[in-house]
Structures are given as C-alpha cells and as structure tokens.
N, C-alpha and C. Protein backbone atom coordinates (compact mmCIF):
# COMPACT_ATOMS: atom_id res chain seq x y z
N MET A 1 0.81 -1.21 0.00
CA MET A 1 0.00 0.00 0.00
C MET A 1 0.85 1.27 0.00
N ALA A 2 1.90 1.27 0.81
CA ALA A 2 2.77 2.44 0.87
C ALA A 2 3.45 2.68 -0.47
N GLN A 3 3.83 1.56 -1.13
CA GLN A 3 4.47 1.67 -2.44
C GLN A 3 3.49 2.20 -3.49
N ASP A 4 2.24 1.74 -3.43
CA ASP A 4 1.21 2.23 -4.35
C ASP A 4 0.99 3.73 -4.17
N LYS A 5 0.95 4.16 -2.92
CA LYS A 5 0.76 5.57 -2.64
C LYS A 5 1.92 6.40 -3.18
N GLU A 6 3.13 5.90 -3.00
CA GLU A 6 4.32 6.60 -3.48
C GLU A 6 4.32 6.67 -5.00
N THR A 7 3.94 5.58 -5.66
CA THR A 7 3.89 5.56 -7.12
C THR A 7 2.86 6.55 -7.63
N ARG A 8 1.70 6.58 -7.00
CA ARG A 8 0.65 7.51 -7.42
C ARG A 8 1.10 8.96 -7.26
N GLU A 9 1.77 9.25 -6.15
CA GLU A 9 2.26 10.61 -5.91
C GLU A 9 3.30 11.01 -6.95
N LYS A 10 4.17 10.05 -7.32
CA LYS A 10 5.17 10.33 -8.35
C LYS A 10 4.50 10.66 -9.68
N LEU A 11 3.46 9.91 -10.02
CA LEU A 11 2.73 10.16 -11.25
C LEU A 11 2.04 11.52 -11.23
N ILE A 12 1.47 11.88 -10.10
CA ILE A 12 0.80 13.17 -9.95
C ILE A 12 1.80 14.31 -10.15
N GLU A 13 2.94 14.23 -9.49
CA GLU A 13 3.95 15.28 -9.60
C GLU A 13 4.52 15.36 -11.01
N SER A 14 4.77 14.21 -11.60
CA SER A 14 5.28 14.19 -12.96
C SER A 14 4.26 14.76 -13.94
N ALA A 15 2.99 14.40 -13.74
CA ALA A 15 1.93 14.89 -14.61
C ALA A 15 1.74 16.39 -14.45
N LYS A 16 1.82 16.86 -13.24
CA LYS A 16 1.67 18.30 -12.99
C LYS A 16 2.74 19.09 -13.75
N ALA A 17 3.97 18.60 -13.70
CA ALA A 17 5.06 19.26 -14.42
C ALA A 17 4.85 19.20 -15.93
N GLU A 18 4.39 18.05 -16.42
CA GLU A 18 4.15 17.88 -17.85
C GLU A 18 3.02 18.78 -18.34
N PHE A 19 1.93 18.83 -17.60
CA PHE A 19 0.80 19.69 -17.97
C PHE A 19 1.19 21.17 -17.91
N MET A 20 1.98 21.52 -16.91
CA MET A 20 2.40 22.91 -16.76
C MET A 20 3.31 23.33 -17.91
N GLU A 21 4.14 22.41 -18.36
CA GLU A 21 5.08 22.72 -19.45
C GLU A 21 4.41 22.72 -20.81
N LYS A 22 3.57 21.72 -21.08
CA LYS A 22 3.05 21.51 -22.43
C LYS A 22 1.56 21.79 -22.60
N GLY A 23 0.83 21.92 -21.48
CA GLY A 23 -0.61 22.05 -21.58
C GLY A 23 -1.26 20.69 -21.71
N TYR A 24 -2.57 20.66 -21.47
CA TYR A 24 -3.28 19.37 -21.47
C TYR A 24 -3.19 18.67 -22.82
N ASN A 25 -3.45 19.40 -23.90
CA ASN A 25 -3.51 18.77 -25.23
C ASN A 25 -2.20 18.08 -25.62
N LYS A 26 -1.09 18.74 -25.38
CA LYS A 26 0.20 18.23 -25.84
C LYS A 26 0.92 17.35 -24.82
N ALA A 27 0.36 17.25 -23.64
CA ALA A 27 0.99 16.42 -22.61
C ALA A 27 0.98 14.95 -23.04
N SER A 28 2.07 14.25 -22.76
CA SER A 28 2.23 12.85 -23.16
C SER A 28 2.24 11.94 -21.95
N LEU A 29 1.39 10.93 -21.99
CA LEU A 29 1.36 9.97 -20.89
C LEU A 29 2.67 9.18 -20.81
N ARG A 30 3.26 8.91 -21.97
CA ARG A 30 4.54 8.20 -21.98
C ARG A 30 5.61 9.03 -21.29
N SER A 31 5.61 10.34 -21.59
CA SER A 31 6.59 11.23 -20.96
C SER A 31 6.36 11.32 -19.46
N ILE A 32 5.11 11.38 -19.06
CA ILE A 32 4.78 11.44 -17.64
C ILE A 32 5.28 10.19 -16.92
N CYS A 33 5.04 9.04 -17.52
CA CYS A 33 5.48 7.77 -16.91
C CYS A 33 7.00 7.67 -16.84
N ALA A 34 7.65 8.13 -17.92
CA ALA A 34 9.11 8.07 -17.96
C ALA A 34 9.71 8.93 -16.85
N LYS A 35 9.17 10.12 -16.68
CA LYS A 35 9.68 11.02 -15.64
C LYS A 35 9.40 10.49 -14.24
N ALA A 36 8.29 9.76 -14.12
CA ALA A 36 7.93 9.19 -12.81
C ALA A 36 8.66 7.87 -12.55
N GLY A 37 9.31 7.33 -13.63
CA GLY A 37 10.04 6.09 -13.47
C GLY A 37 9.15 4.87 -13.36
N VAL A 38 7.98 4.91 -14.03
CA VAL A 38 7.06 3.78 -13.98
C VAL A 38 6.62 3.44 -15.41
N THR A 39 5.98 2.30 -15.57
CA THR A 39 5.47 1.90 -16.87
C THR A 39 4.09 2.52 -17.11
N THR A 40 3.66 2.53 -18.37
CA THR A 40 2.32 3.04 -18.66
C THR A 40 1.25 2.15 -18.03
N GLY A 41 1.57 0.89 -17.89
CA GLY A 41 0.64 -0.02 -17.22
C GLY A 41 0.39 0.39 -15.78
N ALA A 42 1.44 0.89 -15.13
CA ALA A 42 1.30 1.36 -13.75
C ALA A 42 0.37 2.56 -13.68
N LEU A 43 0.49 3.43 -14.68
CA LEU A 43 -0.38 4.62 -14.72
C LEU A 43 -1.84 4.21 -14.81
N TYR A 44 -2.14 3.24 -15.69
CA TYR A 44 -3.53 2.83 -15.87
C TYR A 44 -4.07 2.04 -14.68
N PHE A 45 -3.20 1.64 -13.80
CA PHE A 45 -3.65 1.02 -12.56
C PHE A 45 -4.31 2.06 -11.65
N PHE A 46 -3.82 3.32 -11.75
CA PHE A 46 -4.33 4.38 -10.89
C PHE A 46 -5.32 5.31 -11.59
N PHE A 47 -5.15 5.51 -12.89
CA PHE A 47 -5.97 6.47 -13.62
C PHE A 47 -6.51 5.87 -14.91
N GLU A 48 -7.73 6.25 -15.27
CA GLU A 48 -8.36 5.69 -16.46
C GLU A 48 -7.68 6.18 -17.74
N ASP A 49 -7.35 7.49 -17.75
CA ASP A 49 -6.77 8.10 -18.96
C ASP A 49 -6.20 9.46 -18.59
N LYS A 50 -5.82 10.23 -19.59
CA LYS A 50 -5.22 11.55 -19.34
C LYS A 50 -6.21 12.48 -18.66
N ALA A 51 -7.48 12.39 -19.06
CA ALA A 51 -8.51 13.24 -18.47
C ALA A 51 -8.65 12.96 -16.97
N ASP A 52 -8.62 11.69 -16.61
CA ASP A 52 -8.75 11.29 -15.21
C ASP A 52 -7.54 11.76 -14.41
N LEU A 53 -6.38 11.70 -15.02
CA LEU A 53 -5.15 12.16 -14.36
C LEU A 53 -5.20 13.66 -14.13
N PHE A 54 -5.64 14.41 -15.13
CA PHE A 54 -5.74 15.87 -14.99
C PHE A 54 -6.76 16.22 -13.91
N LYS A 55 -7.87 15.50 -13.90
CA LYS A 55 -8.90 15.74 -12.89
C LYS A 55 -8.39 15.47 -11.49
N ALA A 56 -7.53 14.46 -11.35
CA ALA A 56 -6.96 14.14 -10.04
C ALA A 56 -6.12 15.28 -9.50
N ILE A 57 -5.57 16.09 -10.42
CA ILE A 57 -4.71 17.21 -10.02
C ILE A 57 -5.53 18.46 -9.70
N VAL A 58 -6.55 18.73 -10.51
CA VAL A 58 -7.27 20.01 -10.38
C VAL A 58 -8.69 19.88 -9.85
N GLY A 59 -9.24 18.67 -9.85
CA GLY A 59 -10.66 18.49 -9.54
C GLY A 59 -11.08 18.99 -8.17
N ASN A 60 -10.33 18.66 -7.14
CA ASN A 60 -10.71 19.08 -5.78
C ASN A 60 -10.67 20.60 -5.64
N ALA A 61 -9.70 21.22 -6.27
CA ALA A 61 -9.58 22.68 -6.20
C ALA A 61 -10.78 23.35 -6.86
N VAL A 62 -11.18 22.83 -8.03
CA VAL A 62 -12.33 23.39 -8.74
C VAL A 62 -13.62 23.16 -7.95
N ASP A 63 -13.81 21.95 -7.46
CA ASP A 63 -15.01 21.65 -6.67
C ASP A 63 -15.09 22.54 -5.43
N GLY A 64 -13.97 22.74 -4.78
CA GLY A 64 -13.94 23.59 -3.59
C GLY A 64 -14.31 25.02 -3.89
N LEU A 65 -13.89 25.51 -5.05
CA LEU A 65 -14.22 26.88 -5.46
C LEU A 65 -15.73 27.04 -5.61
N PHE A 66 -16.37 26.10 -6.28
CA PHE A 66 -17.82 26.19 -6.47
C PHE A 66 -18.57 26.01 -5.15
N GLU A 67 -18.03 25.22 -4.25
CA GLU A 67 -18.66 25.06 -2.94
C GLU A 67 -18.67 26.39 -2.18
N ILE A 68 -17.57 27.12 -2.24
CA ILE A 68 -17.50 28.44 -1.59
C ILE A 68 -18.49 29.40 -2.23
N MET A 69 -18.54 29.41 -3.55
CA MET A 69 -19.46 30.29 -4.27
C MET A 69 -20.91 30.00 -3.89
N LEU A 70 -21.31 28.73 -3.95
CA LEU A 70 -22.70 28.36 -3.70
C LEU A 70 -23.09 28.61 -2.24
N ALA A 71 -22.15 28.39 -1.33
CA ALA A 71 -22.41 28.67 0.09
C ALA A 71 -22.65 30.17 0.29
N HIS A 72 -21.90 30.98 -0.43
CA HIS A 72 -22.07 32.44 -0.33
C HIS A 72 -23.45 32.86 -0.84
N PHE A 73 -23.88 32.29 -1.95
CA PHE A 73 -25.20 32.63 -2.50
C PHE A 73 -26.30 32.21 -1.53
N ASP A 74 -26.14 31.07 -0.88
CA ASP A 74 -27.12 30.62 0.12
C ASP A 74 -27.18 31.60 1.29
N GLU A 75 -26.02 32.08 1.73
CA GLU A 75 -25.98 33.05 2.82
C GLU A 75 -26.66 34.35 2.42
N ASP A 76 -26.43 34.79 1.19
CA ASP A 76 -27.06 36.01 0.69
C ASP A 76 -28.58 35.87 0.68
N GLU A 77 -29.07 34.70 0.28
CA GLU A 77 -30.51 34.46 0.26
C GLU A 77 -31.09 34.55 1.67
N ASP A 78 -30.36 34.00 2.63
CA ASP A 78 -30.83 34.06 4.02
C ASP A 78 -30.88 35.50 4.52
N ILE A 79 -29.87 36.29 4.14
CA ILE A 79 -29.83 37.69 4.56
C ILE A 79 -31.00 38.47 3.97
N VAL A 80 -31.23 38.26 2.67
CA VAL A 80 -32.34 38.95 2.00
C VAL A 80 -33.67 38.55 2.63
N ALA A 81 -33.83 37.25 2.90
CA ALA A 81 -35.07 36.76 3.49
C ALA A 81 -35.31 37.37 4.87
N GLY A 82 -34.23 37.64 5.60
CA GLY A 82 -34.36 38.17 6.95
C GLY A 82 -34.28 39.68 7.06
N THR A 83 -34.19 40.36 5.92
CA THR A 83 -34.09 41.81 5.92
C THR A 83 -35.44 42.44 5.59
N ASP A 84 -35.86 43.43 6.38
CA ASP A 84 -37.12 44.11 6.12
C ASP A 84 -37.08 44.83 4.79
N ALA A 85 -38.23 44.90 4.14
CA ALA A 85 -38.32 45.55 2.83
C ALA A 85 -37.83 46.99 2.88
N ASP A 86 -38.15 47.70 3.97
CA ASP A 86 -37.76 49.11 4.10
C ASP A 86 -36.25 49.28 4.23
N ASP A 87 -35.57 48.22 4.69
CA ASP A 87 -34.13 48.30 4.90
C ASP A 87 -33.34 47.69 3.74
N MET A 88 -34.05 47.19 2.74
CA MET A 88 -33.38 46.48 1.66
C MET A 88 -32.42 47.38 0.89
N ASP A 89 -32.81 48.64 0.69
CA ASP A 89 -31.94 49.56 -0.05
C ASP A 89 -30.66 49.86 0.70
N ASP A 90 -30.70 49.69 2.03
CA ASP A 90 -29.52 49.97 2.84
C ASP A 90 -28.60 48.77 2.96
N TYR A 91 -29.08 47.62 2.45
CA TYR A 91 -28.26 46.42 2.54
C TYR A 91 -27.23 46.42 1.43
N ILE A 92 -25.98 46.59 1.81
CA ILE A 92 -24.88 46.53 0.84
C ILE A 92 -23.80 45.63 1.44
N ASP A 93 -23.57 44.54 0.79
CA ASP A 93 -22.53 43.60 1.23
C ASP A 93 -21.28 43.88 0.41
N ASP A 94 -20.17 44.22 1.08
CA ASP A 94 -18.95 44.53 0.33
C ASP A 94 -18.23 43.27 -0.16
N HIS A 95 -18.75 42.10 0.26
CA HIS A 95 -18.22 40.81 -0.19
C HIS A 95 -16.76 40.59 0.21
N SER A 96 -16.29 41.30 1.21
CA SER A 96 -14.88 41.13 1.63
C SER A 96 -14.64 39.75 2.21
N GLU A 97 -15.66 39.21 2.88
CA GLU A 97 -15.49 37.88 3.50
C GLU A 97 -15.37 36.79 2.44
N VAL A 98 -16.27 36.81 1.46
CA VAL A 98 -16.20 35.78 0.42
C VAL A 98 -14.97 35.99 -0.46
N ALA A 99 -14.56 37.25 -0.63
CA ALA A 99 -13.34 37.52 -1.40
C ALA A 99 -12.14 36.85 -0.73
N GLN A 100 -12.09 36.96 0.59
CA GLN A 100 -10.97 36.36 1.33
C GLN A 100 -11.01 34.83 1.24
N LEU A 101 -12.21 34.27 1.34
CA LEU A 101 -12.34 32.81 1.23
C LEU A 101 -11.92 32.31 -0.14
N LEU A 102 -12.36 33.01 -1.18
CA LEU A 102 -12.04 32.59 -2.54
C LEU A 102 -10.54 32.72 -2.84
N ILE A 103 -9.98 33.86 -2.48
CA ILE A 103 -8.56 34.08 -2.74
C ILE A 103 -7.70 33.08 -1.97
N HIS A 104 -8.05 32.83 -0.72
CA HIS A 104 -7.26 31.88 0.08
C HIS A 104 -7.35 30.48 -0.52
N HIS A 105 -8.53 30.10 -0.94
CA HIS A 105 -8.69 28.77 -1.54
C HIS A 105 -7.89 28.67 -2.84
N ILE A 106 -7.99 29.67 -3.67
CA ILE A 106 -7.28 29.66 -4.95
C ILE A 106 -5.77 29.59 -4.74
N TYR A 107 -5.26 30.41 -3.83
CA TYR A 107 -3.81 30.46 -3.64
C TYR A 107 -3.30 29.28 -2.82
N SER A 108 -4.19 28.60 -2.11
CA SER A 108 -3.80 27.36 -1.44
C SER A 108 -3.70 26.21 -2.46
N ASN A 109 -4.31 26.43 -3.62
CA ASN A 109 -4.26 25.46 -4.71
C ASN A 109 -3.75 26.15 -5.98
N TYR A 110 -2.67 26.89 -5.81
CA TYR A 110 -2.22 27.80 -6.86
C TYR A 110 -1.82 27.07 -8.15
N ASP A 111 -1.08 25.98 -8.04
CA ASP A 111 -0.68 25.24 -9.23
C ASP A 111 -1.90 24.74 -10.01
N ALA A 112 -2.87 24.22 -9.28
CA ALA A 112 -4.10 23.73 -9.92
C ALA A 112 -4.83 24.88 -10.61
N ALA A 113 -4.85 26.04 -9.97
CA ALA A 113 -5.53 27.20 -10.55
C ALA A 113 -4.85 27.63 -11.85
N ILE A 114 -3.54 27.67 -11.85
CA ILE A 114 -2.80 28.04 -13.06
C ILE A 114 -3.03 27.03 -14.18
N LEU A 115 -3.04 25.77 -13.82
CA LEU A 115 -3.29 24.73 -14.82
C LEU A 115 -4.67 24.89 -15.45
N VAL A 116 -5.67 25.12 -14.63
CA VAL A 116 -7.04 25.25 -15.14
C VAL A 116 -7.19 26.50 -16.00
N LEU A 117 -6.59 27.59 -15.57
CA LEU A 117 -6.78 28.86 -16.27
C LEU A 117 -5.92 29.00 -17.53
N THR A 118 -4.78 28.33 -17.57
CA THR A 118 -3.86 28.57 -18.69
C THR A 118 -3.44 27.33 -19.46
N LYS A 119 -3.70 26.14 -18.92
CA LYS A 119 -3.18 24.92 -19.54
C LYS A 119 -4.24 23.85 -19.78
N SER A 120 -5.52 24.19 -19.69
CA SER A 120 -6.57 23.16 -19.70
C SER A 120 -7.28 23.00 -21.04
N GLN A 121 -6.81 23.67 -22.09
CA GLN A 121 -7.47 23.54 -23.39
C GLN A 121 -7.50 22.09 -23.84
N GLY A 122 -8.69 21.62 -24.21
CA GLY A 122 -8.85 20.23 -24.61
C GLY A 122 -9.37 19.34 -23.50
N SER A 123 -9.38 19.86 -22.27
CA SER A 123 -9.89 19.09 -21.14
C SER A 123 -11.31 19.54 -20.80
N GLU A 124 -11.93 18.86 -19.85
CA GLU A 124 -13.28 19.23 -19.43
C GLU A 124 -13.31 20.56 -18.70
N TYR A 125 -12.15 21.10 -18.36
CA TYR A 125 -12.08 22.34 -17.61
C TYR A 125 -11.76 23.56 -18.47
N GLU A 126 -11.68 23.40 -19.78
CA GLU A 126 -11.22 24.51 -20.61
C GLU A 126 -12.18 25.70 -20.61
N ASN A 127 -13.46 25.46 -20.31
CA ASN A 127 -14.44 26.54 -20.28
C ASN A 127 -14.86 26.89 -18.85
N ILE A 128 -13.94 26.69 -17.91
CA ILE A 128 -14.27 26.88 -16.50
C ILE A 128 -14.68 28.31 -16.19
N VAL A 129 -14.06 29.29 -16.85
CA VAL A 129 -14.39 30.69 -16.58
C VAL A 129 -15.83 30.97 -17.00
N ASP A 130 -16.23 30.46 -18.16
CA ASP A 130 -17.62 30.63 -18.61
C ASP A 130 -18.59 29.97 -17.64
N LYS A 131 -18.21 28.83 -17.10
CA LYS A 131 -19.08 28.15 -16.14
C LYS A 131 -19.24 28.97 -14.87
N ILE A 132 -18.14 29.55 -14.40
CA ILE A 132 -18.21 30.40 -13.21
C ILE A 132 -19.13 31.59 -13.45
N VAL A 133 -18.99 32.21 -14.62
CA VAL A 133 -19.86 33.34 -14.98
C VAL A 133 -21.31 32.90 -15.03
N ASP A 134 -21.58 31.76 -15.66
CA ASP A 134 -22.95 31.27 -15.81
C ASP A 134 -23.60 31.00 -14.45
N VAL A 135 -22.86 30.35 -13.56
CA VAL A 135 -23.41 30.04 -12.23
C VAL A 135 -23.67 31.33 -11.45
N THR A 136 -22.71 32.25 -11.50
CA THR A 136 -22.86 33.52 -10.79
C THR A 136 -24.03 34.32 -11.34
N GLU A 137 -24.16 34.33 -12.65
CA GLU A 137 -25.25 35.08 -13.29
C GLU A 137 -26.61 34.48 -12.93
N SER A 138 -26.70 33.16 -12.99
CA SER A 138 -27.96 32.49 -12.67
C SER A 138 -28.39 32.77 -11.23
N LYS A 139 -27.44 32.65 -10.30
CA LYS A 139 -27.75 32.89 -8.90
C LYS A 139 -28.07 34.37 -8.64
N SER A 140 -27.39 35.26 -9.34
CA SER A 140 -27.63 36.69 -9.17
C SER A 140 -29.01 37.09 -9.69
N ILE A 141 -29.43 36.48 -10.79
CA ILE A 141 -30.76 36.75 -11.32
C ILE A 141 -31.83 36.32 -10.32
N GLU A 142 -31.64 35.15 -9.72
CA GLU A 142 -32.56 34.68 -8.68
C GLU A 142 -32.60 35.67 -7.52
N MET A 143 -31.42 36.12 -7.09
CA MET A 143 -31.32 37.02 -5.96
C MET A 143 -32.01 38.35 -6.25
N MET A 144 -31.74 38.92 -7.43
CA MET A 144 -32.34 40.21 -7.77
C MET A 144 -33.86 40.10 -7.88
N GLY A 145 -34.34 38.94 -8.34
CA GLY A 145 -35.78 38.73 -8.40
C GLY A 145 -36.40 38.76 -7.01
N LYS A 146 -35.73 38.16 -6.05
CA LYS A 146 -36.24 38.15 -4.68
C LYS A 146 -36.19 39.53 -4.05
N ILE A 147 -35.14 40.28 -4.37
CA ILE A 147 -35.00 41.63 -3.83
C ILE A 147 -36.09 42.54 -4.36
N THR A 148 -36.30 42.52 -5.68
CA THR A 148 -37.32 43.39 -6.28
C THR A 148 -38.72 42.99 -5.82
N ALA A 149 -38.96 41.69 -5.65
CA ALA A 149 -40.27 41.23 -5.18
C ALA A 149 -40.52 41.69 -3.75
N LYS A 150 -39.48 41.68 -2.95
CA LYS A 150 -39.65 42.05 -1.55
C LYS A 150 -39.85 43.55 -1.38
N THR A 151 -39.15 44.34 -2.18
CA THR A 151 -39.28 45.79 -2.07
C THR A 151 -40.53 46.31 -2.76
N GLY A 152 -41.06 45.51 -3.69
CA GLY A 152 -42.26 45.93 -4.39
C GLY A 152 -42.03 46.99 -5.44
N LYS A 153 -40.77 47.24 -5.77
CA LYS A 153 -40.46 48.28 -6.75
C LYS A 153 -40.59 47.71 -8.17
N ASN A 154 -41.22 48.47 -9.03
CA ASN A 154 -41.46 48.01 -10.40
C ASN A 154 -40.25 48.32 -11.27
N LYS A 155 -39.21 47.52 -11.09
CA LYS A 155 -38.00 47.72 -11.88
C LYS A 155 -37.65 46.44 -12.62
N LYS A 156 -37.05 46.59 -13.78
CA LYS A 156 -36.70 45.46 -14.61
C LYS A 156 -35.20 45.21 -14.55
N LEU A 157 -34.84 43.94 -14.45
CA LEU A 157 -33.43 43.58 -14.39
C LEU A 157 -32.79 43.78 -15.76
N ASN A 158 -31.70 44.52 -15.78
CA ASN A 158 -30.92 44.71 -17.01
C ASN A 158 -29.88 43.59 -17.05
N LYS A 159 -30.22 42.51 -17.75
CA LYS A 159 -29.36 41.32 -17.76
C LYS A 159 -28.01 41.59 -18.43
N TYR A 160 -28.00 42.50 -19.38
CA TYR A 160 -26.73 42.82 -20.03
C TYR A 160 -25.76 43.45 -19.03
N MET A 161 -26.25 44.42 -18.25
CA MET A 161 -25.40 45.08 -17.26
C MET A 161 -24.97 44.10 -16.17
N LEU A 162 -25.87 43.22 -15.79
CA LEU A 162 -25.53 42.20 -14.79
C LEU A 162 -24.41 41.30 -15.33
N HIS A 163 -24.57 40.85 -16.56
CA HIS A 163 -23.56 40.00 -17.19
C HIS A 163 -22.22 40.72 -17.28
N LEU A 164 -22.26 41.99 -17.62
CA LEU A 164 -21.04 42.78 -17.76
C LEU A 164 -20.31 42.91 -16.42
N ILE A 165 -21.04 43.22 -15.37
CA ILE A 165 -20.42 43.40 -14.06
C ILE A 165 -19.84 42.08 -13.55
N ILE A 166 -20.57 40.99 -13.75
CA ILE A 166 -20.07 39.68 -13.32
C ILE A 166 -18.78 39.34 -14.06
N HIS A 167 -18.74 39.64 -15.35
CA HIS A 167 -17.51 39.39 -16.11
C HIS A 167 -16.35 40.24 -15.59
N ILE A 168 -16.63 41.46 -15.20
CA ILE A 168 -15.58 42.33 -14.66
C ILE A 168 -14.96 41.68 -13.43
N VAL A 169 -15.81 41.16 -12.54
CA VAL A 169 -15.34 40.55 -11.30
C VAL A 169 -14.58 39.25 -11.59
N VAL A 170 -15.17 38.37 -12.39
CA VAL A 170 -14.55 37.08 -12.68
C VAL A 170 -13.25 37.27 -13.45
N ASP A 171 -13.25 38.14 -14.45
CA ASP A 171 -12.03 38.39 -15.22
C ASP A 171 -10.94 39.01 -14.35
N SER A 172 -11.35 39.78 -13.36
CA SER A 172 -10.37 40.36 -12.43
C SER A 172 -9.69 39.26 -11.62
N PHE A 173 -10.48 38.28 -11.17
CA PHE A 173 -9.91 37.13 -10.48
C PHE A 173 -8.91 36.41 -11.37
N VAL A 174 -9.29 36.18 -12.61
CA VAL A 174 -8.43 35.44 -13.55
C VAL A 174 -7.11 36.17 -13.75
N GLN A 175 -7.19 37.46 -14.01
CA GLN A 175 -5.97 38.23 -14.26
C GLN A 175 -5.08 38.29 -13.03
N LEU A 176 -5.69 38.40 -11.86
CA LEU A 176 -4.91 38.44 -10.63
C LEU A 176 -4.18 37.12 -10.39
N VAL A 177 -4.90 36.02 -10.56
CA VAL A 177 -4.30 34.71 -10.31
C VAL A 177 -3.14 34.46 -11.28
N ILE A 178 -3.33 34.82 -12.53
CA ILE A 178 -2.30 34.57 -13.53
C ILE A 178 -1.07 35.46 -13.34
N HIS A 179 -1.30 36.71 -12.95
CA HIS A 179 -0.20 37.68 -12.94
C HIS A 179 0.29 38.09 -11.56
N GLU A 180 -0.46 37.74 -10.50
CA GLU A 180 -0.05 38.15 -9.16
C GLU A 180 0.10 36.92 -8.26
N PRO A 181 1.32 36.45 -8.05
CA PRO A 181 1.54 35.24 -7.24
C PRO A 181 1.42 35.45 -5.74
N ASP A 182 1.34 36.69 -5.31
CA ASP A 182 1.28 36.99 -3.88
C ASP A 182 -0.18 37.05 -3.41
N GLU A 183 -0.55 36.19 -2.48
CA GLU A 183 -1.94 36.11 -2.02
C GLU A 183 -2.43 37.40 -1.37
N LYS A 184 -1.61 38.02 -0.54
CA LYS A 184 -2.04 39.24 0.16
C LYS A 184 -2.29 40.38 -0.82
N LYS A 185 -1.43 40.51 -1.81
CA LYS A 185 -1.61 41.57 -2.81
C LYS A 185 -2.85 41.29 -3.65
N ALA A 186 -3.07 40.03 -3.98
CA ALA A 186 -4.24 39.66 -4.77
C ALA A 186 -5.53 39.97 -4.00
N LEU A 187 -5.54 39.65 -2.71
CA LEU A 187 -6.72 39.91 -1.88
C LEU A 187 -7.00 41.40 -1.79
N LYS A 188 -5.97 42.19 -1.61
CA LYS A 188 -6.14 43.64 -1.53
C LYS A 188 -6.75 44.19 -2.82
N SER A 189 -6.29 43.68 -3.93
CA SER A 189 -6.78 44.15 -5.22
C SER A 189 -8.22 43.71 -5.48
N ILE A 190 -8.53 42.46 -5.18
CA ILE A 190 -9.88 41.96 -5.47
C ILE A 190 -10.90 42.63 -4.56
N LYS A 191 -10.52 42.99 -3.35
CA LYS A 191 -11.44 43.71 -2.47
C LYS A 191 -11.80 45.06 -3.09
N LYS A 192 -10.85 45.70 -3.74
CA LYS A 192 -11.12 46.97 -4.41
C LYS A 192 -12.08 46.76 -5.58
N VAL A 193 -11.91 45.66 -6.30
CA VAL A 193 -12.81 45.35 -7.41
C VAL A 193 -14.23 45.14 -6.90
N PHE A 194 -14.37 44.37 -5.81
CA PHE A 194 -15.69 44.15 -5.23
C PHE A 194 -16.31 45.46 -4.75
N ARG A 195 -15.50 46.29 -4.11
CA ARG A 195 -16.00 47.57 -3.60
C ARG A 195 -16.51 48.44 -4.74
N MET A 196 -15.78 48.43 -5.83
CA MET A 196 -16.16 49.23 -6.99
C MET A 196 -17.46 48.72 -7.63
N THR A 197 -17.55 47.40 -7.77
CA THR A 197 -18.70 46.83 -8.48
C THR A 197 -19.95 46.74 -7.60
N MET A 198 -19.78 46.63 -6.29
CA MET A 198 -20.94 46.48 -5.41
C MET A 198 -21.59 47.80 -5.04
N GLN A 199 -20.86 48.90 -5.15
CA GLN A 199 -21.46 50.21 -4.87
C GLN A 199 -22.53 50.49 -5.92
N ASN A 200 -23.71 50.85 -5.45
CA ASN A 200 -24.85 51.14 -6.33
C ASN A 200 -25.17 49.96 -7.24
N TRP A 201 -24.99 48.74 -6.68
CA TRP A 201 -25.25 47.52 -7.45
C TRP A 201 -26.65 47.49 -8.03
N THR A 202 -27.66 47.70 -7.18
CA THR A 202 -29.04 47.61 -7.65
C THR A 202 -29.37 48.70 -8.66
N ASP A 203 -28.84 49.91 -8.47
CA ASP A 203 -29.08 50.98 -9.44
C ASP A 203 -28.48 50.67 -10.80
N THR A 204 -27.39 49.89 -10.79
CA THR A 204 -26.70 49.58 -12.04
C THR A 204 -27.41 48.47 -12.82
N VAL A 205 -27.91 47.47 -12.11
CA VAL A 205 -28.49 46.32 -12.81
C VAL A 205 -30.01 46.37 -12.92
N LEU A 206 -30.63 47.37 -12.29
CA LEU A 206 -32.09 47.53 -12.40
C LEU A 206 -32.43 48.81 -13.14
N ASP A 207 -33.34 48.73 -14.09
CA ASP A 207 -33.79 49.91 -14.85
C ASP A 207 -35.16 50.36 -14.35
C-alpha cells in the first residue's frame, strides 16, 4: 500500500510538471510515466486516462471553489429573506469575507488554478471561466428577483449590465491569479474590485 501511494504521488507530480510545461492537449502519458520512473501499465492502474489524471490534479480545487461560491449565495438568500423591505436599499454587502475565502482557496491550490486557467485547453475544464460566470449570473438573477419582489419596486433587471459586471469581477480574479503570485496583494486588489462593483449595485443592474 505504501508503495502504491508513493507511485501515485510520483505520477501526480510528474503529470503536474508535464501539464504545466506543455498544456493538457500536448501532454504525453509516456513522458509522464518516464519522468515518474514507472510503466504506462502502472499509470492505468491508478488512472483511467489523461482526463482522469488531470482531474486528479485540479478536480478538488475546482469543486472547492464552487462550494464556496454556492455557500455564499445561500448566505445572501438568508440575509435577504431576513431583511425588512424598508431596509433592503440599505443592505450593501462589500463581499470582503467571500473575497478572502475565494482568494485563500485559490492560492492554497495555486498550481491547480494556473493549470485550469492557462493549460486546460482540450480538457473538461477549458471553459471553466464561462461556467463560473454562468453560475454567478444564474444565482444573481434569482437574488435580484427576490430583492425586487420584496421591495415591491417596479424595476426590470438589465441582464446585459448584470452579465457585464459579473464578467468584470470574474475576469479580475483570472488576471490576478495569472499575474499576481502573492496572495495578500491579490486579496487587496480583489477587495477593491468588489468595492467598486458592489457600490450602487441595484441601481446599475435595475432599470
């Protein structure tokens, strides 16, 4: 068992280096095995294929990111449900807490984040940014519907502006992760992005 664990870890580290150097599409299982000092048969004992190997490296990090996002949306729903209609306009969440959770998670899994954002073309994760935008947009539309229903104000959601603002936030995360390796600096910057986008949020996305 200890030997199996060691072999699997060698394959993971070798694969991580191969994916980082060549990207998912051009990565070679033979090269990964050679660098790990094992046969291809040994690789297939642990992983079904290249996709399964890549998922073993980045899957937990991606799943954890969505768990944080969805938990935040659930908390927002609870806050809206517990806020009086008259106080709804005064409710402004600067999102500093979720920003810290997201940044810490990403930078705790920094190699996986870089792989997903820059080296995942051809894998199931190549459109991960679009998926993050889609989930955020869907949840935000639900949230804005509940807010407008509770306040009773006859305003229409401007989905284009909502989509634009969400892209600003998500793209800011992407650029920070790719270009800023320091977690503290990244957190400071993303908090500014949230502060900028959350101010007058309802006025911006409601017509």
